[in-house]
Amino acid sequence: MRTHRISPLILAAALAFFPGGCSKSPDSSSGGASSPTPAKGGKKKFAYITNGIDPFWNTAVAGVRAAEKELGVECEVFMPPKGIVDQKRMVETVLARGIDGIAISPIDAKNEVDLINDACSRAPLITQDSDAPGSKRLCFVGMDNYKAGRAAGRLVKEAIPAGGKVMLFVGRLEQLNAQQRRQGIVDELLDRPTQTLDKLTIDPAGQPLKGDKYTIVDTRLDNFDFSRAKANAEDALSAYPDLACMIGLFAYNTPACMEAVKGAHKMGQVKFVSFDENAAVLQGIKDGDVHGTISQQPYLYGYHSVRILNGLANGDKSVVPANGVFDVSIIEVRKANVDEFWENLKKQQAAGK
């Protein structure tokens, strides 16, 4: 796993202004509210806002806590249970109370640009996990989701080299990261040329996509409803008895699919490819039930989000890469490396306690 050295913090009495991006401005407001700077000598305070509730985020929070201890700051974690309305409320709440920086995973990047830009006028803001490139966010911390999708597509090719019908399962497609990783899988399975993120063409969901060997029969959405995620998998098995592979784009999707397949007594007949590092998925890889998963290293999302926010809050712009993206590399987990990966994951999770 890649390690990073943290540059010395530059202490400052006030937050610097970032032209065209996020800044801390006591007299800028939304509805008359302002963001007071904490008392001199107090700890910097940040907000880490996820896009939902899922065990995936527990590992990211471990990274947040590790950075808190190392840097001597405070970071409150918010997990919206009911989608975009809750997420917007959480952003507005922390801004009203006063905050030194926000790291957010936007649920709907296009429809949250105004929210993000308003927050940017009042505190340094970065995105993590999922980006909002059309906004004034200062930095994105995360993986290249399109490339990760193509890597997942290659896992599918390994799992069912003869081809067949596959189905995708995901919480929602409003999120840019979900759109990008889904498109990466589609392009890989249909043997299309590699696209770039700035010119990415998205195939709409709701219709089969056929290639020479692989057919993506559908993309099922559950809106972070775990019972619905399982029901989607059960329906897929009923509608497509010859389904060859299930691909879970969010951390909980593949475990839900596994439960459905076990209930249908079809374990061994259907292959699984996953994202993230859910314990059930890792155990499934050890047992030979899951071919592999793509880890985006969420611990580093949490750790580096807090590190970057702390640098910005102290006037250190050098913490932001020149291109505005702090790239976190993926790890492809298969049976050959699952034990080593899982052991490292447990150490990361323990470090955040």
Protein backbone atom coordinates (compact mmCIF):
# COMPACT_ATOMS: atom_id res chain seq x y z
CA MET A 1 0.00 0.00 0.00
CA ARG A 2 1.24 3.45 -0.81
CA THR A 3 2.31 5.65 2.10
CA HIS A 4 2.46 9.42 2.20
CA ARG A 5 4.62 11.79 4.17
CA ILE A 6 2.73 14.74 5.59
CA SER A 7 4.38 18.11 4.99
CA PRO A 8 4.89 20.40 8.04
CA LEU A 9 1.78 22.37 8.89
CA ILE A 10 1.92 26.11 8.34
CA LEU A 11 0.16 27.80 11.23
CA ALA A 12 -1.82 30.93 10.42
CA ALA A 13 -4.15 33.16 12.36
CA ALA A 14 -6.72 33.38 9.56
CA LEU A 15 -7.79 31.28 6.62
CA ALA A 16 -6.41 32.17 3.22
CA PHE A 17 -8.64 33.13 0.31
CA PHE A 18 -8.62 30.83 -2.73
CA PRO A 19 -9.65 32.63 -5.96
CA GLY A 20 -12.33 30.77 -7.88
CA GLY A 21 -12.56 28.09 -5.19
CA CYS A 22 -13.59 27.68 -1.56
CA SER A 23 -12.71 30.27 1.02
CA LYS A 24 -13.57 31.17 4.57
CA SER A 25 -15.41 34.47 4.59
CA PRO A 26 -17.03 35.70 7.79
CA ASP A 27 -19.35 38.12 6.00
CA SER A 28 -20.51 35.77 3.23
CA SER A 29 -23.74 34.05 4.08
CA SER A 30 -26.71 31.94 3.11
CA GLY A 31 -29.84 33.18 4.78
CA GLY A 32 -27.81 35.56 6.95
CA ALA A 33 -25.72 32.86 8.69
CA SER A 34 -21.97 33.27 9.08
CA SER A 35 -19.07 30.95 9.88
CA PRO A 36 -17.07 32.19 12.86
CA THR A 37 -13.48 31.03 13.21
CA PRO A 38 -12.90 28.98 16.39
CA ALA A 39 -11.17 30.77 19.24
CA LYS A 40 -7.43 31.27 18.93
CA GLY A 41 -5.59 28.21 20.15
CA GLY A 42 -8.61 25.92 19.77
CA LYS A 43 -8.60 22.78 17.68
CA LYS A 44 -9.55 23.03 14.03
CA LYS A 45 -12.95 21.48 13.43
CA PHE A 46 -13.98 19.68 10.26
CA ALA A 47 -16.99 17.79 8.92
CA TYR A 48 -16.77 14.53 6.99
CA ILE A 49 -20.04 13.87 5.17
CA THR A 50 -20.75 10.54 3.49
CA ASN A 51 -23.41 9.69 0.89
CA GLY A 52 -25.24 7.18 3.04
CA ILE A 53 -24.94 4.56 5.78
CA ASP A 54 -22.88 1.49 4.93
CA PRO A 55 -20.05 -0.54 6.54
CA PHE A 56 -17.82 0.81 3.75
CA TRP A 57 -17.77 4.14 5.52
CA ASN A 58 -16.60 2.62 8.81
CA THR A 59 -13.17 2.05 7.29
CA ALA A 60 -13.11 5.61 5.95
CA VAL A 61 -14.01 6.86 9.43
CA ALA A 62 -11.08 4.87 10.84
CA GLY A 63 -8.85 6.98 8.59
CA VAL A 64 -10.59 10.13 9.82
CA ARG A 65 -9.94 9.18 13.45
CA ALA A 66 -6.31 8.32 12.78
CA ALA A 67 -5.76 11.73 11.18
CA GLU A 68 -7.56 13.42 14.10
CA LYS A 69 -5.12 11.90 16.59
CA GLU A 70 -2.06 12.58 14.47
CA LEU A 71 -2.91 16.20 13.64
CA GLY A 72 -4.64 17.26 16.86
CA VAL A 73 -7.92 18.26 15.19
CA GLU A 74 -11.59 17.34 15.52
CA CYS A 75 -13.76 15.91 12.75
CA GLU A 76 -17.45 15.15 13.07
CA VAL A 77 -18.78 12.43 10.78
CA PHE A 78 -22.25 12.68 9.21
CA MET A 79 -23.99 9.82 7.40
CA PRO A 80 -27.29 10.82 5.71
CA PRO A 81 -29.84 8.00 6.13
CA LYS A 82 -32.37 9.34 3.62
CA GLY A 83 -30.37 10.68 0.71
CA ILE A 84 -29.89 14.14 -0.70
CA VAL A 85 -32.34 16.00 1.56
CA ASP A 86 -30.51 14.78 4.66
CA GLN A 87 -27.13 15.54 3.12
CA LYS A 88 -28.12 19.12 2.32
CA ARG A 89 -29.44 19.60 5.85
CA MET A 90 -26.16 18.33 7.28
CA VAL A 91 -24.11 20.76 5.18
CA GLU A 92 -26.32 23.67 6.22
CA THR A 93 -26.11 22.64 9.88
CA VAL A 94 -22.30 22.56 10.05
CA LEU A 95 -22.03 25.85 8.20
CA ALA A 96 -24.46 27.52 10.59
CA ARG A 97 -22.50 26.26 13.60
CA GLY A 98 -19.14 27.28 12.12
CA ILE A 99 -16.63 24.88 10.58
CA ASP A 100 -13.03 24.99 9.37
CA GLY A 101 -13.57 22.67 6.41
CA ILE A 102 -15.88 20.09 4.84
CA ALA A 103 -15.17 16.84 3.01
CA ILE A 104 -18.28 15.55 1.23
CA SER A 105 -19.26 12.67 -1.03
CA PRO A 106 -21.99 14.31 -3.16
CA ILE A 107 -25.09 12.22 -3.69
CA ASP A 108 -26.11 14.11 -6.84
CA ALA A 109 -23.24 16.23 -8.14
CA LYS A 110 -25.27 18.10 -10.77
CA ASN A 111 -28.08 19.05 -8.43
CA GLU A 112 -25.82 19.93 -5.50
CA VAL A 113 -23.55 22.41 -7.29
CA ASP A 114 -25.29 25.44 -5.74
CA LEU A 115 -25.11 23.88 -2.28
CA ILE A 116 -21.42 23.07 -2.69
CA ASN A 117 -20.58 26.48 -4.12
CA ASP A 118 -22.38 28.26 -1.31
CA ALA A 119 -20.46 26.14 1.21
CA CYS A 120 -17.25 26.96 -0.66
CA SER A 121 -17.82 30.66 -0.04
CA ARG A 122 -17.89 30.00 3.68
CA ALA A 123 -15.33 27.27 4.36
CA PRO A 124 -12.74 25.19 2.48
CA LEU A 125 -14.58 22.28 0.87
CA ILE A 126 -13.28 19.17 -0.84
CA THR A 127 -15.06 16.18 -2.30
CA GLN A 128 -14.15 12.60 -1.48
CA ASP A 129 -15.28 9.22 -2.83
CA SER A 130 -17.48 10.88 -5.47
CA ASP A 131 -16.61 14.15 -7.20
CA ALA A 132 -18.49 17.27 -8.26
CA PRO A 133 -16.15 18.60 -10.96
CA GLY A 134 -18.62 21.29 -12.03
CA SER A 135 -18.45 22.95 -8.63
CA LYS A 136 -15.87 25.16 -6.93
CA ARG A 137 -14.59 22.40 -4.67
CA LEU A 138 -10.88 22.72 -4.00
CA CYS A 139 -9.86 19.08 -4.34
CA PHE A 140 -11.18 15.58 -4.96
CA VAL A 141 -9.85 12.69 -2.88
CA GLY A 142 -10.54 9.31 -4.43
CA MET A 143 -9.92 6.80 -7.15
CA ASP A 144 -10.55 7.04 -10.88
CA ASN A 145 -13.91 5.28 -10.88
CA TYR A 146 -13.94 4.69 -14.63
CA LYS A 147 -10.58 2.89 -14.52
CA ALA A 148 -11.78 0.96 -11.49
CA GLY A 149 -14.85 -0.08 -13.45
CA ARG A 150 -12.69 -1.39 -16.25
CA ALA A 151 -10.65 -3.33 -13.70
CA ALA A 152 -13.87 -4.86 -12.38
CA GLY A 153 -14.81 -5.75 -15.95
CA ARG A 154 -11.53 -7.62 -16.29
CA LEU A 155 -12.38 -9.57 -13.13
CA VAL A 156 -15.66 -10.56 -14.77
CA LYS A 157 -13.75 -11.78 -17.82
CA GLU A 158 -11.58 -13.91 -15.54
CA ALA A 159 -14.61 -15.27 -13.68
CA ILE A 160 -16.61 -16.23 -16.80
CA PRO A 161 -14.11 -16.37 -19.68
CA ALA A 162 -16.64 -18.08 -21.96
CA GLY A 163 -18.97 -15.08 -21.64
CA GLY A 164 -22.61 -14.96 -20.67
CA LYS A 165 -25.27 -12.78 -19.10
CA VAL A 166 -24.32 -10.41 -16.29
CA MET A 167 -26.29 -7.98 -14.18
CA LEU A 168 -25.18 -4.86 -12.31
CA PHE A 169 -26.49 -3.88 -8.87
CA VAL A 170 -26.03 -0.42 -7.35
CA GLY A 171 -27.61 1.90 -4.82
CA ARG A 172 -28.18 4.88 -7.09
CA LEU A 173 -26.93 6.29 -10.37
CA GLU A 174 -27.18 9.99 -9.52
CA GLN A 175 -23.73 9.71 -7.97
CA LEU A 176 -20.93 10.42 -10.40
CA ASN A 177 -18.76 7.61 -9.02
CA ALA A 178 -21.53 5.08 -9.71
CA GLN A 179 -21.98 6.36 -13.26
CA GLN A 180 -18.26 6.20 -13.95
CA ARG A 181 -17.58 2.74 -12.54
CA ARG A 182 -20.67 1.32 -14.25
CA GLN A 183 -19.51 2.75 -17.59
CA GLY A 184 -16.04 1.32 -17.06
CA ILE A 185 -17.53 -2.15 -16.64
CA VAL A 186 -19.75 -1.71 -19.69
CA ASP A 187 -16.90 -0.54 -21.92
CA GLU A 188 -14.59 -3.31 -20.74
CA LEU A 189 -17.11 -6.12 -21.27
CA LEU A 190 -18.12 -4.77 -24.67
CA ASP A 191 -14.43 -4.35 -25.66
CA ARG A 192 -14.76 -0.64 -26.35
CA PRO A 193 -11.90 1.88 -26.42
CA THR A 194 -10.97 3.54 -23.15
CA GLN A 195 -12.75 6.85 -22.51
CA THR A 196 -11.51 9.88 -20.59
CA LEU A 197 -13.44 11.34 -17.68
CA ASP A 198 -13.82 14.76 -19.28
CA LYS A 199 -15.52 13.27 -22.35
CA LEU A 200 -17.26 10.27 -20.83
CA THR A 201 -20.30 8.98 -22.70
CA ILE A 202 -22.74 7.16 -20.42
CA ASP A 203 -24.95 4.34 -21.67
CA PRO A 204 -28.42 4.77 -20.16
CA ALA A 205 -29.69 2.10 -17.80
CA GLY A 206 -32.86 0.15 -18.43
CA GLN A 207 -31.95 -1.70 -21.61
CA PRO A 208 -29.69 -4.69 -22.40
CA LEU A 209 -26.18 -3.95 -23.68
CA LYS A 210 -24.84 -6.72 -25.89
CA GLY A 211 -21.30 -7.52 -26.88
CA ASP A 212 -19.70 -10.44 -28.68
CA LYS A 213 -19.39 -12.55 -25.52
CA TYR A 214 -21.08 -10.66 -22.72
CA THR A 215 -24.57 -9.24 -22.33
CA ILE A 216 -25.35 -6.77 -19.56
CA VAL A 217 -29.02 -7.55 -19.13
CA ASP A 218 -29.85 -4.77 -16.66
CA THR A 219 -28.74 -2.42 -13.88
CA ARG A 220 -30.86 -2.73 -10.75
CA LEU A 221 -31.13 0.18 -8.28
CA ASP A 222 -32.03 -0.05 -4.58
CA ASN A 223 -31.46 3.49 -3.21
CA PHE A 224 -29.42 2.15 -0.26
CA ASP A 225 -32.30 -0.05 0.87
CA PHE A 226 -30.60 -3.32 1.88
CA SER A 227 -33.78 -5.41 1.79
CA ARG A 228 -34.54 -4.08 -1.68
CA ALA A 229 -30.99 -4.91 -2.75
CA LYS A 230 -31.60 -8.55 -1.86
CA ALA A 231 -35.03 -8.51 -3.51
CA ASN A 232 -33.45 -7.13 -6.70
CA ALA A 233 -31.05 -10.06 -6.75
CA GLU A 234 -33.85 -12.56 -6.13
CA ASP A 235 -35.87 -11.06 -8.99
CA ALA A 236 -32.84 -11.22 -11.28
CA LEU A 237 -32.35 -14.92 -10.58
CA SER A 238 -36.00 -15.56 -11.36
CA ALA A 239 -36.02 -13.46 -14.55
CA TYR A 240 -32.70 -14.81 -15.85
CA PRO A 241 -32.18 -18.45 -14.81
CA ASP A 242 -29.00 -18.53 -16.93
CA LEU A 243 -27.44 -15.46 -15.27
CA ALA A 244 -23.69 -16.06 -15.18
CA CYS A 245 -22.37 -13.22 -13.01
CA MET A 246 -23.63 -10.63 -10.54
CA ILE A 247 -21.62 -7.42 -10.14
CA GLY A 248 -22.11 -5.27 -7.04
CA LEU A 249 -21.06 -1.64 -7.49
CA PHE A 250 -21.53 -0.60 -3.85
CA ALA A 251 -20.14 -2.40 -0.81
CA TYR A 252 -23.40 -4.00 0.32
CA ASN A 253 -24.62 -5.10 -3.12
CA THR A 254 -22.58 -8.27 -3.51
CA PRO A 255 -23.38 -9.58 0.01
CA ALA A 256 -27.08 -9.07 -0.80
CA CYS A 257 -26.61 -10.97 -4.06
CA MET A 258 -24.82 -13.79 -2.25
CA GLU A 259 -27.71 -14.14 0.19
CA ALA A 260 -30.17 -14.35 -2.69
CA VAL A 261 -28.11 -16.95 -4.55
CA LYS A 262 -27.72 -19.07 -1.40
CA GLY A 263 -31.47 -18.88 -0.86
CA ALA A 264 -32.02 -20.08 -4.44
CA HIS A 265 -29.51 -22.91 -3.94
CA LYS A 266 -27.42 -21.66 -6.85
CA MET A 267 -24.07 -21.09 -5.19
CA GLY A 268 -21.41 -22.21 -7.61
CA GLN A 269 -23.63 -21.56 -10.62
CA VAL A 270 -23.45 -17.77 -10.43
CA LYS A 271 -20.14 -15.90 -10.15
CA PHE A 272 -19.66 -12.69 -8.17
CA VAL A 273 -17.51 -9.62 -8.74
CA SER A 274 -17.60 -6.81 -6.22
CA PHE A 275 -16.40 -3.39 -5.15
CA ASP A 276 -15.01 -2.56 -1.73
CA GLU A 277 -14.05 -4.72 1.24
CA ASN A 278 -17.17 -5.98 2.95
CA ALA A 279 -16.23 -8.84 5.29
CA ALA A 280 -18.72 -11.20 3.62
CA VAL A 281 -17.10 -10.50 0.24
CA LEU A 282 -13.58 -11.09 1.56
CA GLN A 283 -14.70 -14.35 3.17
CA GLY A 284 -16.39 -15.26 -0.10
CA ILE A 285 -13.09 -14.74 -1.93
CA LYS A 286 -11.31 -16.98 0.61
CA ASP A 287 -14.01 -19.65 0.17
CA GLY A 288 -13.91 -19.43 -3.62
CA ASP A 289 -17.48 -18.10 -3.95
CA VAL A 290 -16.47 -14.57 -5.03
CA HIS A 291 -13.95 -14.17 -7.83
CA GLY A 292 -12.63 -10.80 -6.69
CA THR A 293 -13.29 -7.25 -5.57
CA ILE A 294 -11.96 -3.77 -6.30
CA SER A 295 -10.92 -1.94 -3.15
CA GLN A 296 -10.77 1.84 -3.32
CA GLN A 297 -8.93 2.02 0.03
CA PRO A 298 -11.51 4.07 1.96
CA TYR A 299 -9.19 4.41 4.96
CA LEU A 300 -7.07 6.71 2.81
CA TYR A 301 -10.18 8.69 1.81
CA GLY A 302 -10.79 9.55 5.43
CA TYR A 303 -7.17 10.12 6.40
CA HIS A 304 -6.18 12.31 3.48
CA SER A 305 -9.43 14.28 3.51
CA VAL A 306 -8.70 15.42 7.06
CA ARG A 307 -5.02 16.00 6.27
CA ILE A 308 -5.84 18.19 3.27
CA LEU A 309 -8.56 20.13 5.11
CA ASN A 310 -6.17 20.78 7.97
CA GLY A 311 -3.54 22.11 5.60
CA LEU A 312 -6.06 24.40 3.90
CA ALA A 313 -7.42 25.64 7.23
CA ASN A 314 -3.86 26.62 8.15
CA GLY A 315 -3.22 28.40 4.86
CA ASP A 316 -1.13 25.66 3.23
CA LYS A 317 -2.30 25.42 -0.40
CA SER A 318 0.46 22.93 -1.25
CA VAL A 319 -1.66 20.09 0.15
CA VAL A 320 -3.82 20.30 -2.98
CA PRO A 321 -2.31 18.63 -6.07
CA ALA A 322 -1.87 20.86 -9.12
CA ASN A 323 -4.70 19.14 -10.98
CA GLY A 324 -7.05 19.30 -7.98
CA VAL A 325 -7.20 15.50 -7.62
CA PHE A 326 -5.56 13.44 -4.88
CA ASP A 327 -5.57 10.06 -6.57
CA VAL A 328 -5.98 6.98 -4.39
CA SER A 329 -4.94 3.81 -6.19
CA ILE A 330 -7.16 0.73 -6.26
CA ILE A 331 -6.28 -2.74 -5.06
CA GLU A 332 -7.57 -5.75 -6.99
CA VAL A 333 -8.31 -8.44 -4.42
CA ARG A 334 -8.35 -12.08 -5.50
CA LYS A 335 -7.84 -15.34 -3.64
CA ALA A 336 -4.06 -15.06 -4.00
CA ASN A 337 -3.83 -11.81 -1.99
CA VAL A 338 -7.02 -11.74 0.09
CA ASP A 339 -5.34 -12.85 3.34
CA GLU A 340 -2.66 -10.15 3.16
CA PHE A 341 -5.23 -7.52 2.16
CA TRP A 342 -7.60 -8.45 4.98
CA GLU A 343 -4.84 -8.35 7.57
CA ASN A 344 -3.79 -4.86 6.44
CA LEU A 345 -7.43 -3.76 6.49
CA LYS A 346 -7.83 -4.91 10.09
CA LYS A 347 -4.74 -2.94 11.09
CA GLN A 348 -6.15 0.19 9.44
CA GLN A 349 -9.48 -0.22 11.18
CA ALA A 350 -7.74 -0.73 14.53
CA ALA A 351 -5.65 2.42 13.98
CA GLY A 352 -8.81 4.51 13.91
CA LYS A 353 -10.16 3.34 17.26
